Amino acid sequence: MSRASLLLLSPTRDRALAVAFGIRLRTLRRQCFLTQEDLADRCRLSRTTIRRLEAGEVRPRVHTVTALATGLHVDAADLIPDPAHFWAEEKRP
């Protein structure tokens, strides 16, 4: 399944995806020994944006994922949670 199919998720799964993205972002940021402010500066984003992403309050836009990946020196795909997990839960009875 492609990651593009995540667009077909229910609002509940959409929220779960945002939370999973935030957990991955926080984990990668901490592995780089960066504060939210440090990462925000590297990515030219606000610290509030980093906080909201890590809390799963907002879904990241493509340009934001790209900026974060560049700032963390990882592939953008490393930030995206595995869609199979969310798709499988969506199909459960």
Protein backbone atom coordinates (compact mmCIF):
# COMPACT_ATOMS: atom_id res chain seq x y z
CA MET A 1 0.00 0.00 0.00
CA SER A 2 1.28 3.48 -0.76
CA ARG A 3 1.56 6.22 1.79
CA ALA A 4 -0.78 8.27 -0.38
CA SER A 5 -3.61 5.94 0.62
CA LEU A 6 -3.39 7.44 4.10
CA LEU A 7 -5.55 10.22 2.70
CA LEU A 8 -8.46 7.77 2.79
CA LEU A 9 -8.40 7.28 6.54
CA SER A 10 -11.24 8.17 8.88
CA PRO A 11 -10.90 11.22 11.14
CA THR A 12 -10.03 8.91 14.05
CA ARG A 13 -7.20 7.30 12.07
CA ASP A 14 -6.15 10.72 10.82
CA ARG A 15 -5.68 11.83 14.43
CA ALA A 16 -3.81 8.62 15.25
CA LEU A 17 -1.50 9.24 12.30
CA ALA A 18 -0.79 12.80 13.50
CA VAL A 19 0.04 11.46 16.98
CA ALA A 20 2.28 8.73 15.54
CA PHE A 21 4.06 11.32 13.39
CA GLY A 22 4.60 13.48 16.48
CA ILE A 23 6.09 10.58 18.43
CA ARG A 24 8.49 9.81 15.57
CA LEU A 25 9.44 13.47 15.27
CA ARG A 26 10.12 13.80 19.01
CA THR A 27 12.15 10.57 19.03
CA LEU A 28 14.32 11.64 16.10
CA ARG A 29 14.77 15.15 17.55
CA ARG A 30 15.90 13.76 20.88
CA GLN A 31 18.27 11.29 19.18
CA CYS A 32 19.92 14.35 17.60
CA PHE A 33 20.13 16.01 21.05
CA LEU A 34 18.10 18.98 19.83
CA THR A 35 15.60 21.09 21.70
CA GLN A 36 12.37 22.07 19.99
CA GLU A 37 13.81 25.53 19.53
CA ASP A 38 17.03 24.16 17.99
CA LEU A 39 15.05 22.11 15.49
CA ALA A 40 12.75 25.02 14.72
CA ASP A 41 15.77 27.21 13.94
CA ARG A 42 17.29 24.55 11.68
CA CYS A 43 14.02 24.13 9.80
CA ARG A 44 12.95 27.77 9.78
CA LEU A 45 9.77 26.87 11.60
CA SER A 46 8.40 28.20 14.86
CA ARG A 47 8.93 26.36 18.14
CA THR A 48 5.15 26.37 18.48
CA THR A 49 4.84 24.46 15.20
CA ILE A 50 7.32 21.85 16.43
CA ARG A 51 5.42 21.55 19.72
CA ARG A 52 2.06 21.17 17.96
CA LEU A 53 3.44 18.56 15.56
CA GLU A 54 5.00 16.55 18.39
CA ALA A 55 1.72 16.69 20.32
CA GLY A 56 -0.22 15.43 17.32
CA GLU A 57 -2.35 18.57 17.29
CA VAL A 58 -1.80 19.21 13.58
CA ARG A 59 -1.04 17.22 10.45
CA PRO A 60 2.23 18.17 8.79
CA ARG A 61 2.23 19.55 5.27
CA VAL A 62 4.60 18.19 2.67
CA HIS A 63 6.93 21.20 2.82
CA THR A 64 7.04 20.92 6.62
CA VAL A 65 8.00 17.23 6.46
CA THR A 66 10.71 18.09 3.96
CA ALA A 67 12.07 20.88 6.17
CA LEU A 68 12.04 18.62 9.24
CA ALA A 69 13.81 15.82 7.38
CA THR A 70 16.48 18.26 6.23
CA GLY A 71 16.89 19.66 9.74
CA LEU A 72 17.19 16.18 11.24
CA HIS A 73 19.40 14.84 8.41
CA VAL A 74 17.03 11.97 7.66
CA ASP A 75 14.89 10.92 4.72
CA ALA A 76 11.37 12.32 4.79
CA ALA A 77 10.11 8.71 4.76
CA ASP A 78 11.75 8.20 8.16
CA LEU A 79 9.25 10.65 9.65
CA ILE A 80 6.16 9.04 8.16
CA PRO A 81 4.55 6.26 10.22
CA ASP A 82 3.97 2.91 8.50
CA PRO A 83 0.61 3.18 6.71
CA ALA A 84 -0.02 -0.57 6.91
CA HIS A 85 -0.59 -0.22 10.66
CA PHE A 86 -3.33 2.38 10.17
CA TRP A 87 -4.91 0.63 7.20
CA ALA A 88 -5.14 -2.67 9.07
CA GLU A 89 -6.87 -0.99 12.01
CA GLU A 90 -9.29 0.76 9.67
CA LYS A 91 -10.43 -2.56 8.16
CA ARG A 92 -11.07 -4.30 11.48
CA PRO A 93 -14.76 -5.06 12.23
